N, C-alpha and C. Protein backbone atom coordinates (compact mmCIF):
# COMPACT_ATOMS: atom_id res chain seq x y z
N MET A 1 0.81 -1.19 0.00
CA MET A 1 0.00 0.00 0.00
C MET A 1 0.87 1.26 0.00
N ALA A 2 1.95 1.24 0.76
CA ALA A 2 2.85 2.40 0.82
C ALA A 2 3.48 2.67 -0.53
N LYS A 3 3.78 1.59 -1.27
CA LYS A 3 4.38 1.74 -2.59
C LYS A 3 3.40 2.43 -3.55
N VAL A 4 2.13 2.11 -3.47
CA VAL A 4 1.12 2.72 -4.33
C VAL A 4 1.03 4.22 -4.01
N GLN A 5 1.08 4.57 -2.75
CA GLN A 5 1.01 5.98 -2.36
C GLN A 5 2.24 6.74 -2.85
N GLN A 6 3.41 6.12 -2.77
CA GLN A 6 4.62 6.76 -3.26
C GLN A 6 4.55 6.99 -4.77
N ILE A 7 4.09 6.00 -5.50
CA ILE A 7 3.96 6.13 -6.96
C ILE A 7 2.95 7.23 -7.28
N THR A 8 1.86 7.28 -6.56
CA THR A 8 0.83 8.30 -6.77
C THR A 8 1.40 9.69 -6.51
N LEU A 9 2.15 9.83 -5.41
CA LEU A 9 2.73 11.14 -5.08
C LEU A 9 3.76 11.57 -6.13
N VAL A 10 4.58 10.67 -6.60
CA VAL A 10 5.58 10.99 -7.62
C VAL A 10 4.88 11.38 -8.92
N SER A 11 3.85 10.64 -9.30
CA SER A 11 3.09 10.95 -10.52
C SER A 11 2.44 12.31 -10.41
N LEU A 12 1.86 12.60 -9.26
CA LEU A 12 1.22 13.90 -9.04
C LEU A 12 2.25 15.03 -9.12
N ALA A 13 3.42 14.82 -8.56
CA ALA A 13 4.48 15.83 -8.60
C ALA A 13 4.92 16.10 -10.04
N ILE A 14 5.06 15.04 -10.82
CA ILE A 14 5.45 15.20 -12.23
C ILE A 14 4.38 15.97 -13.00
N CYS A 15 3.13 15.63 -12.78
CA CYS A 15 2.03 16.33 -13.47
C CYS A 15 1.99 17.80 -13.10
N LEU A 16 2.16 18.11 -11.82
CA LEU A 16 2.13 19.51 -11.38
C LEU A 16 3.30 20.30 -11.96
N SER A 17 4.48 19.71 -11.97
CA SER A 17 5.64 20.43 -12.51
C SER A 17 5.47 20.67 -14.01
N THR A 18 4.87 19.72 -14.73
CA THR A 18 4.61 19.90 -16.16
C THR A 18 3.61 21.03 -16.37
N LEU A 19 2.54 21.06 -15.59
CA LEU A 19 1.54 22.12 -15.71
C LEU A 19 2.15 23.48 -15.40
N LEU A 20 2.99 23.55 -14.38
CA LEU A 20 3.64 24.81 -14.04
C LEU A 20 4.56 25.27 -15.17
N GLY A 21 5.23 24.33 -15.82
CA GLY A 21 6.08 24.66 -16.96
C GLY A 21 5.27 25.25 -18.11
N PHE A 22 4.10 24.65 -18.40
CA PHE A 22 3.24 25.19 -19.45
C PHE A 22 2.72 26.57 -19.07
N ALA A 23 2.37 26.75 -17.82
CA ALA A 23 1.86 28.06 -17.37
C ALA A 23 2.94 29.12 -17.50
N ALA A 24 4.17 28.78 -17.19
CA ALA A 24 5.26 29.75 -17.31
C ALA A 24 5.52 30.10 -18.76
N ALA A 25 5.42 29.12 -19.66
CA ALA A 25 5.67 29.37 -21.09
C ALA A 25 4.59 30.24 -21.69
N ALA A 26 3.38 30.17 -21.17
CA ALA A 26 2.27 30.94 -21.72
C ALA A 26 2.09 32.27 -21.00
N ASN A 27 3.02 32.66 -20.18
CA ASN A 27 2.93 33.88 -19.39
C ASN A 27 2.96 35.12 -20.29
N PRO A 28 1.85 35.88 -20.36
CA PRO A 28 1.83 37.07 -21.22
C PRO A 28 2.73 38.18 -20.70
N GLU A 29 3.12 38.11 -19.44
CA GLU A 29 4.00 39.13 -18.87
C GLU A 29 5.47 38.81 -19.14
N GLU A 30 5.72 37.68 -19.76
CA GLU A 30 7.08 37.28 -20.09
C GLU A 30 7.68 38.32 -21.05
N LYS A 31 8.97 38.55 -20.93
CA LYS A 31 9.60 39.49 -21.85
C LYS A 31 10.90 38.93 -22.38
N PHE A 32 11.27 39.45 -23.53
CA PHE A 32 12.54 39.11 -24.17
C PHE A 32 13.25 40.42 -24.50
N ILE A 33 14.56 40.36 -24.59
CA ILE A 33 15.35 41.51 -25.04
C ILE A 33 16.13 41.06 -26.26
N VAL A 34 15.83 41.71 -27.39
CA VAL A 34 16.50 41.39 -28.65
C VAL A 34 17.65 42.37 -28.82
N GLU A 35 18.84 41.84 -29.07
CA GLU A 35 20.02 42.68 -29.27
C GLU A 35 20.62 42.41 -30.63
N GLY A 36 21.19 43.45 -31.21
CA GLY A 36 21.86 43.30 -32.49
C GLY A 36 22.69 44.53 -32.80
N ARG A 37 23.19 44.58 -34.02
CA ARG A 37 24.09 45.66 -34.44
C ARG A 37 23.83 46.00 -35.90
N VAL A 38 24.05 47.27 -36.26
CA VAL A 38 23.93 47.72 -37.65
C VAL A 38 25.30 48.24 -38.08
N TYR A 39 25.74 47.83 -39.27
CA TYR A 39 27.06 48.21 -39.74
C TYR A 39 27.00 48.76 -41.16
N CYS A 40 28.07 49.45 -41.54
CA CYS A 40 28.25 49.94 -42.91
C CYS A 40 29.22 48.99 -43.61
N ASP A 41 28.75 48.37 -44.69
CA ASP A 41 29.57 47.48 -45.50
C ASP A 41 30.41 48.36 -46.43
N THR A 42 31.61 48.66 -46.01
CA THR A 42 32.48 49.60 -46.74
C THR A 42 33.07 49.01 -48.01
N CYS A 43 32.91 47.69 -48.20
CA CYS A 43 33.45 47.04 -49.40
C CYS A 43 32.36 46.60 -50.39
N ARG A 44 31.10 46.81 -50.02
CA ARG A 44 29.97 46.44 -50.88
C ARG A 44 29.97 44.94 -51.21
N VAL A 45 30.32 44.10 -50.25
CA VAL A 45 30.36 42.66 -50.47
C VAL A 45 29.21 41.92 -49.76
N GLU A 46 28.38 42.65 -49.05
CA GLU A 46 27.20 42.14 -48.33
C GLU A 46 27.55 41.20 -47.17
N PHE A 47 28.72 41.42 -46.58
CA PHE A 47 29.07 40.77 -45.32
C PHE A 47 30.10 41.67 -44.63
N GLU A 48 30.29 41.43 -43.33
CA GLU A 48 31.21 42.26 -42.56
C GLU A 48 32.66 41.88 -42.85
N THR A 49 33.50 42.89 -42.90
CA THR A 49 34.94 42.71 -43.02
C THR A 49 35.58 43.46 -41.86
N LYS A 50 36.90 43.38 -41.78
CA LYS A 50 37.58 44.08 -40.68
C LYS A 50 37.51 45.59 -40.84
N ILE A 51 37.12 46.10 -42.00
CA ILE A 51 37.00 47.56 -42.16
C ILE A 51 35.54 48.03 -42.23
N SER A 52 34.60 47.13 -41.93
CA SER A 52 33.20 47.55 -41.80
C SER A 52 33.11 48.46 -40.59
N LYS A 53 32.17 49.39 -40.63
CA LYS A 53 32.03 50.37 -39.54
C LYS A 53 30.63 50.31 -38.94
N PRO A 54 30.52 50.45 -37.61
CA PRO A 54 29.20 50.51 -36.99
C PRO A 54 28.50 51.81 -37.39
N ILE A 55 27.18 51.77 -37.43
CA ILE A 55 26.41 52.97 -37.77
C ILE A 55 25.67 53.46 -36.54
N LYS A 56 26.05 54.61 -36.05
CA LYS A 56 25.35 55.25 -34.94
C LYS A 56 24.14 55.99 -35.50
N GLY A 57 22.99 55.84 -34.84
CA GLY A 57 21.80 56.58 -35.24
C GLY A 57 20.95 55.90 -36.30
N ALA A 58 21.27 54.66 -36.66
CA ALA A 58 20.43 53.92 -37.61
C ALA A 58 19.16 53.49 -36.89
N SER A 59 18.06 53.37 -37.64
CA SER A 59 16.78 52.93 -37.06
C SER A 59 16.47 51.51 -37.49
N VAL A 60 15.99 50.71 -36.53
CA VAL A 60 15.53 49.35 -36.79
C VAL A 60 14.17 49.17 -36.13
N LYS A 61 13.45 48.12 -36.54
CA LYS A 61 12.18 47.79 -35.89
C LYS A 61 12.02 46.28 -35.87
N LEU A 62 11.16 45.81 -34.98
CA LEU A 62 10.87 44.39 -34.88
C LEU A 62 9.39 44.19 -35.22
N GLU A 63 9.11 43.23 -36.11
CA GLU A 63 7.74 42.87 -36.44
C GLU A 63 7.56 41.38 -36.27
N CYS A 64 6.40 41.00 -35.74
CA CYS A 64 6.04 39.59 -35.60
C CYS A 64 4.79 39.35 -36.42
N ARG A 65 4.86 38.32 -37.31
CA ARG A 65 3.74 37.98 -38.18
C ARG A 65 3.20 36.60 -37.79
N ASN A 66 1.88 36.44 -37.95
CA ASN A 66 1.25 35.16 -37.72
C ASN A 66 1.86 34.14 -38.68
N ILE A 67 2.18 32.97 -38.17
CA ILE A 67 2.89 31.97 -38.97
C ILE A 67 2.04 31.41 -40.11
N THR A 68 0.71 31.44 -39.98
CA THR A 68 -0.13 30.87 -41.02
C THR A 68 -0.63 31.90 -42.04
N ASN A 69 -1.08 33.07 -41.57
CA ASN A 69 -1.64 34.04 -42.53
C ASN A 69 -0.72 35.22 -42.81
N GLU A 70 0.44 35.27 -42.14
CA GLU A 70 1.47 36.30 -42.35
C GLU A 70 1.03 37.72 -42.00
N LYS A 71 -0.10 37.88 -41.33
CA LYS A 71 -0.54 39.21 -40.90
C LYS A 71 0.31 39.65 -39.71
N ILE A 72 0.63 40.96 -39.68
CA ILE A 72 1.43 41.49 -38.58
C ILE A 72 0.61 41.45 -37.29
N VAL A 73 1.17 40.79 -36.29
CA VAL A 73 0.51 40.63 -35.00
C VAL A 73 1.00 41.69 -34.02
N SER A 74 2.30 41.97 -34.06
CA SER A 74 2.85 42.98 -33.16
C SER A 74 4.10 43.59 -33.79
N HIS A 75 4.43 44.78 -33.35
CA HIS A 75 5.64 45.44 -33.84
C HIS A 75 6.14 46.43 -32.80
N SER A 76 7.40 46.75 -32.90
CA SER A 76 8.01 47.70 -31.97
C SER A 76 8.02 49.09 -32.59
N GLN A 77 8.28 50.06 -31.77
CA GLN A 77 8.57 51.39 -32.27
C GLN A 77 9.96 51.32 -32.89
N ASP A 78 10.28 52.28 -33.75
CA ASP A 78 11.64 52.32 -34.29
C ASP A 78 12.61 52.53 -33.14
N VAL A 79 13.72 51.81 -33.19
CA VAL A 79 14.76 51.91 -32.17
C VAL A 79 16.02 52.41 -32.86
N VAL A 80 16.75 53.32 -32.20
CA VAL A 80 17.95 53.94 -32.77
C VAL A 80 19.20 53.31 -32.18
N THR A 81 20.19 53.06 -33.03
CA THR A 81 21.43 52.42 -32.58
C THR A 81 22.33 53.39 -31.82
N ASP A 82 23.16 52.82 -30.96
CA ASP A 82 24.09 53.61 -30.16
C ASP A 82 25.41 53.83 -30.91
N GLU A 83 26.40 54.35 -30.21
CA GLU A 83 27.72 54.67 -30.78
C GLU A 83 28.37 53.46 -31.47
N ALA A 84 28.14 52.27 -30.92
CA ALA A 84 28.74 51.06 -31.47
C ALA A 84 27.83 50.38 -32.50
N GLY A 85 26.76 51.05 -32.89
CA GLY A 85 25.82 50.48 -33.85
C GLY A 85 24.88 49.47 -33.22
N GLY A 86 24.89 49.36 -31.89
CA GLY A 86 24.07 48.36 -31.20
C GLY A 86 22.68 48.87 -30.86
N TYR A 87 21.77 47.92 -30.70
CA TYR A 87 20.40 48.25 -30.29
C TYR A 87 19.87 47.17 -29.37
N LYS A 88 18.85 47.53 -28.60
CA LYS A 88 18.12 46.58 -27.75
C LYS A 88 16.64 46.89 -27.91
N ILE A 89 15.87 45.83 -28.11
CA ILE A 89 14.42 45.97 -28.24
C ILE A 89 13.77 45.06 -27.20
N GLU A 90 12.95 45.63 -26.32
CA GLU A 90 12.23 44.83 -25.34
C GLU A 90 10.91 44.38 -25.95
N VAL A 91 10.64 43.09 -25.82
CA VAL A 91 9.43 42.50 -26.41
C VAL A 91 8.68 41.77 -25.32
N LYS A 92 7.37 42.02 -25.21
CA LYS A 92 6.56 41.36 -24.20
C LYS A 92 5.82 40.17 -24.79
N GLY A 93 5.66 39.15 -23.96
CA GLY A 93 4.87 37.99 -24.34
C GLY A 93 5.66 36.93 -25.09
N ASP A 94 5.02 35.78 -25.22
CA ASP A 94 5.60 34.65 -25.94
C ASP A 94 5.06 34.69 -27.37
N HIS A 95 5.92 34.50 -28.34
CA HIS A 95 5.54 34.60 -29.76
C HIS A 95 5.80 33.28 -30.48
N GLU A 96 5.37 32.19 -29.85
CA GLU A 96 5.64 30.85 -30.38
C GLU A 96 5.05 30.64 -31.78
N ASP A 97 3.87 31.16 -32.02
CA ASP A 97 3.19 30.94 -33.30
C ASP A 97 3.39 32.09 -34.27
N GLU A 98 4.51 32.79 -34.13
CA GLU A 98 4.78 33.95 -34.96
C GLU A 98 6.19 33.91 -35.53
N ILE A 99 6.37 34.57 -36.65
CA ILE A 99 7.69 34.77 -37.24
C ILE A 99 8.08 36.19 -36.90
N CYS A 100 9.15 36.37 -36.14
CA CYS A 100 9.58 37.70 -35.72
C CYS A 100 10.90 38.05 -36.39
N GLU A 101 10.98 39.27 -36.92
CA GLU A 101 12.18 39.72 -37.60
C GLU A 101 12.49 41.16 -37.24
N VAL A 102 13.79 41.43 -37.06
CA VAL A 102 14.27 42.80 -36.92
C VAL A 102 14.63 43.26 -38.32
N SER A 103 14.23 44.46 -38.70
CA SER A 103 14.56 44.95 -40.04
C SER A 103 15.09 46.38 -39.99
N LEU A 104 15.86 46.70 -41.01
CA LEU A 104 16.39 48.06 -41.15
C LEU A 104 15.27 49.02 -41.50
N VAL A 105 15.34 50.23 -40.95
CA VAL A 105 14.36 51.27 -41.28
C VAL A 105 15.05 52.41 -42.01
N LYS A 106 16.13 52.95 -41.39
CA LYS A 106 16.78 54.12 -41.98
C LYS A 106 18.23 54.24 -41.49
N SER A 107 19.09 54.68 -42.42
CA SER A 107 20.47 54.96 -42.06
C SER A 107 20.65 56.48 -42.02
N PRO A 108 21.38 56.99 -41.03
CA PRO A 108 21.63 58.43 -40.98
C PRO A 108 22.75 58.87 -41.92
N ARG A 109 23.44 57.91 -42.51
CA ARG A 109 24.60 58.22 -43.36
C ARG A 109 24.21 58.25 -44.83
N ALA A 110 24.37 59.41 -45.46
CA ALA A 110 24.06 59.55 -46.88
C ALA A 110 24.99 58.70 -47.74
N ASP A 111 26.22 58.47 -47.27
CA ASP A 111 27.19 57.69 -48.05
C ASP A 111 27.07 56.19 -47.80
N CYS A 112 26.18 55.77 -46.91
CA CYS A 112 26.02 54.36 -46.58
C CYS A 112 24.56 54.10 -46.20
N ASN A 113 23.67 54.11 -47.19
CA ASN A 113 22.25 53.96 -46.88
C ASN A 113 21.51 52.97 -47.79
N GLU A 114 22.27 52.16 -48.53
CA GLU A 114 21.66 51.13 -49.38
C GLU A 114 21.64 49.82 -48.60
N PRO A 115 20.44 49.32 -48.22
CA PRO A 115 20.39 48.08 -47.44
C PRO A 115 21.00 46.91 -48.21
N THR A 116 21.74 46.07 -47.51
CA THR A 116 22.26 44.87 -48.15
C THR A 116 21.08 43.96 -48.45
N GLU A 117 21.20 43.20 -49.51
CA GLU A 117 20.10 42.30 -49.89
C GLU A 117 19.93 41.20 -48.85
N VAL A 118 21.03 40.63 -48.40
CA VAL A 118 20.99 39.49 -47.49
C VAL A 118 20.72 39.91 -46.05
N TRP A 119 21.29 41.01 -45.60
CA TRP A 119 21.22 41.39 -44.18
C TRP A 119 20.35 42.61 -43.93
N ARG A 120 19.20 42.70 -44.59
CA ARG A 120 18.25 43.78 -44.31
C ARG A 120 17.26 43.38 -43.22
N LYS A 121 17.16 42.05 -42.96
CA LYS A 121 16.29 41.52 -41.92
C LYS A 121 17.01 40.39 -41.20
N ALA A 122 16.65 40.21 -39.93
CA ALA A 122 17.21 39.10 -39.15
C ALA A 122 16.09 38.47 -38.33
N ARG A 123 15.88 37.19 -38.50
CA ARG A 123 14.83 36.48 -37.77
C ARG A 123 15.30 36.16 -36.35
N VAL A 124 14.39 36.31 -35.39
CA VAL A 124 14.70 35.97 -34.00
C VAL A 124 13.57 35.11 -33.44
N VAL A 125 13.92 34.16 -32.59
CA VAL A 125 12.96 33.27 -31.96
C VAL A 125 12.59 33.87 -30.60
N LEU A 126 11.29 34.14 -30.42
CA LEU A 126 10.84 34.78 -29.19
C LEU A 126 9.85 33.89 -28.44
N THR A 127 10.33 32.72 -28.06
CA THR A 127 9.55 31.79 -27.25
C THR A 127 10.52 30.95 -26.44
N LYS A 128 10.03 30.49 -25.29
CA LYS A 128 10.84 29.57 -24.49
C LYS A 128 10.42 28.13 -24.76
N ALA A 129 9.40 27.97 -25.61
CA ALA A 129 8.88 26.63 -25.90
C ALA A 129 9.80 25.83 -26.82
N ASP A 130 10.88 26.44 -27.29
CA ASP A 130 11.79 25.71 -28.17
C ASP A 130 13.06 25.26 -27.45
N GLY A 131 13.09 25.43 -26.14
CA GLY A 131 14.22 24.95 -25.36
C GLY A 131 15.30 25.98 -25.08
N VAL A 132 15.18 27.18 -25.65
CA VAL A 132 16.16 28.22 -25.39
C VAL A 132 15.75 28.94 -24.11
N SER A 133 16.63 28.97 -23.13
CA SER A 133 16.29 29.62 -21.86
C SER A 133 16.87 31.03 -21.83
N GLY A 134 16.41 31.81 -20.90
CA GLY A 134 16.88 33.18 -20.74
C GLY A 134 16.05 34.16 -21.55
N ILE A 135 16.22 35.44 -21.26
CA ILE A 135 15.40 36.46 -21.92
C ILE A 135 16.11 37.13 -23.09
N TYR A 136 17.41 36.93 -23.22
CA TYR A 136 18.16 37.62 -24.28
C TYR A 136 18.15 36.80 -25.57
N ARG A 137 17.86 37.50 -26.67
CA ARG A 137 17.91 36.89 -28.00
C ARG A 137 18.82 37.77 -28.85
N PHE A 138 19.66 37.16 -29.66
CA PHE A 138 20.63 37.91 -30.45
C PHE A 138 20.31 37.76 -31.93
N ALA A 139 20.11 38.90 -32.58
CA ALA A 139 19.81 38.93 -34.02
C ALA A 139 21.12 39.04 -34.79
N ASN A 140 21.16 38.48 -35.98
CA ASN A 140 22.31 38.68 -36.86
C ASN A 140 22.47 40.17 -37.14
N ASN A 141 23.71 40.58 -37.36
CA ASN A 141 23.96 41.98 -37.66
C ASN A 141 23.33 42.36 -38.99
N LEU A 142 22.83 43.59 -39.06
CA LEU A 142 22.18 44.11 -40.26
C LEU A 142 23.10 45.13 -40.91
N GLY A 143 23.05 45.24 -42.25
CA GLY A 143 24.00 46.13 -42.91
C GLY A 143 23.44 46.99 -44.02
N TYR A 144 24.08 48.13 -44.15
CA TYR A 144 23.89 49.04 -45.29
C TYR A 144 25.21 49.04 -46.06
N MET A 145 25.12 49.27 -47.37
CA MET A 145 26.34 49.32 -48.18
C MET A 145 26.73 50.76 -48.48
N LYS A 146 28.02 51.00 -48.46
CA LYS A 146 28.58 52.29 -48.83
C LYS A 146 28.35 52.50 -50.32
N LYS A 147 28.20 53.75 -50.73
CA LYS A 147 27.94 54.06 -52.15
C LYS A 147 29.05 53.52 -53.05
N GLU A 148 30.30 53.68 -52.60
CA GLU A 148 31.44 53.16 -53.36
C GLU A 148 32.38 52.47 -52.38
N ALA A 149 32.92 51.35 -52.82
CA ALA A 149 33.83 50.58 -51.97
C ALA A 149 35.10 51.38 -51.70
N LEU A 150 35.65 51.21 -50.50
CA LEU A 150 36.89 51.87 -50.15
C LEU A 150 38.06 51.25 -50.92
N PRO A 151 39.11 52.03 -51.21
CA PRO A 151 40.27 51.49 -51.95
C PRO A 151 40.94 50.31 -51.24
N GLU A 152 40.96 50.31 -49.92
CA GLU A 152 41.63 49.23 -49.19
C GLU A 152 40.86 47.90 -49.20
N CYS A 153 39.67 47.88 -49.78
CA CYS A 153 38.88 46.64 -49.84
C CYS A 153 39.60 45.55 -50.62
N LYS A 154 40.31 45.92 -51.66
CA LYS A 154 41.02 44.93 -52.47
C LYS A 154 41.98 44.13 -51.60
N ASN A 155 42.76 44.81 -50.78
CA ASN A 155 43.71 44.12 -49.90
C ASN A 155 43.01 43.28 -48.84
N VAL A 156 41.95 43.84 -48.27
CA VAL A 156 41.21 43.12 -47.23
C VAL A 156 40.61 41.83 -47.79
N LEU A 157 40.02 41.91 -48.96
CA LEU A 157 39.40 40.73 -49.56
C LEU A 157 40.45 39.71 -50.00
N THR A 158 41.59 40.18 -50.45
CA THR A 158 42.68 39.27 -50.82
C THR A 158 43.17 38.53 -49.58
N GLU A 159 43.32 39.24 -48.46
CA GLU A 159 43.71 38.61 -47.20
C GLU A 159 42.71 37.54 -46.77
N MET A 160 41.45 37.76 -47.11
CA MET A 160 40.39 36.82 -46.72
C MET A 160 40.30 35.63 -47.67
N GLY A 161 41.08 35.64 -48.74
CA GLY A 161 41.08 34.51 -49.67
C GLY A 161 40.22 34.72 -50.89
N TYR A 162 39.64 35.90 -51.04
CA TYR A 162 38.87 36.21 -52.24
C TYR A 162 39.83 36.70 -53.31
N PHE A 163 39.56 36.37 -54.56
CA PHE A 163 40.47 36.73 -55.63
C PHE A 163 39.90 37.82 -56.51
N GLU A 164 40.74 38.32 -57.36
CA GLU A 164 40.34 39.39 -58.27
C GLU A 164 39.25 38.92 -59.20
N LEU A 165 38.65 39.88 -59.87
CA LEU A 165 37.57 39.60 -60.80
C LEU A 165 38.04 38.73 -61.98
N GLN A 166 37.17 37.85 -62.38
CA GLN A 166 37.43 37.03 -63.57
C GLN A 166 36.24 37.18 -64.51
N ASP A 167 36.49 37.00 -65.80
CA ASP A 167 35.38 37.09 -66.74
C ASP A 167 34.58 35.79 -66.70
N GLU A 168 33.56 35.69 -67.55
CA GLU A 168 32.65 34.54 -67.49
C GLU A 168 33.30 33.20 -67.80
N ILE A 169 34.47 33.17 -68.43
CA ILE A 169 35.13 31.88 -68.69
C ILE A 169 36.30 31.63 -67.75
N GLY A 170 36.45 32.46 -66.72
CA GLY A 170 37.47 32.21 -65.70
C GLY A 170 38.80 32.84 -65.96
N GLU A 171 38.91 33.66 -67.00
CA GLU A 171 40.16 34.35 -67.28
C GLU A 171 40.24 35.62 -66.44
N GLU A 172 41.46 35.99 -66.04
CA GLU A 172 41.65 37.22 -65.27
C GLU A 172 41.22 38.42 -66.11
N VAL A 173 40.57 39.37 -65.44
CA VAL A 173 40.19 40.60 -66.10
C VAL A 173 41.45 41.42 -66.31
N GLU A 174 41.60 42.01 -67.48
CA GLU A 174 42.80 42.76 -67.82
C GLU A 174 43.10 43.81 -66.76
N GLY A 175 44.37 43.89 -66.38
CA GLY A 175 44.79 44.88 -65.39
C GLY A 175 44.69 44.37 -63.96
N HIS A 176 44.17 43.17 -63.76
CA HIS A 176 44.07 42.60 -62.41
C HIS A 176 44.85 41.32 -62.36
N SER A 177 45.44 41.05 -61.22
CA SER A 177 46.23 39.84 -61.06
C SER A 177 45.73 39.08 -59.85
N THR A 178 45.69 37.76 -59.93
CA THR A 178 45.34 36.95 -58.77
C THR A 178 46.56 36.46 -58.03
N ALA A 179 47.72 36.83 -58.51
CA ALA A 179 48.97 36.40 -57.84
C ALA A 179 49.12 37.13 -56.51
N PRO A 180 49.62 36.45 -55.47
CA PRO A 180 49.78 37.10 -54.17
C PRO A 180 50.84 38.18 -54.17
């Protein structure tokens, strides 16, 4: 009889802890903090290099869309980046059934205001139901491209293992060398 009571108590404890876990995951007062950075792609290559620069004063926003009908469910006010190009967006509630993305809004730099094709948006997961604990979520860095690439980009890209331009059949473009 004592064994049956012990099994019953253990089963009840497991059920209660599971229910409490679900209640915590569905907590509308839950919050997340999304962090990221905005940079100027000084080489126009659509990724960061060692000479990319942070953009102070750039605007970003976060939007969450319903996963099935893609209608916007929630969004943040525009947030402005700090001296290091960083931003933080506080988001309330669990967004398990939504697709949330941080996107570029505006660059304060006239010489660097063309959004990169690849890094104009960054998806972030804003739920604890996927096993990620803690309130901080980190978005991929977002970028704008400079109007014209800096002269030192050639050396930077060569150091990174990228080679000079080649024509459509793989021949070196006249005036450029792939030799180190």
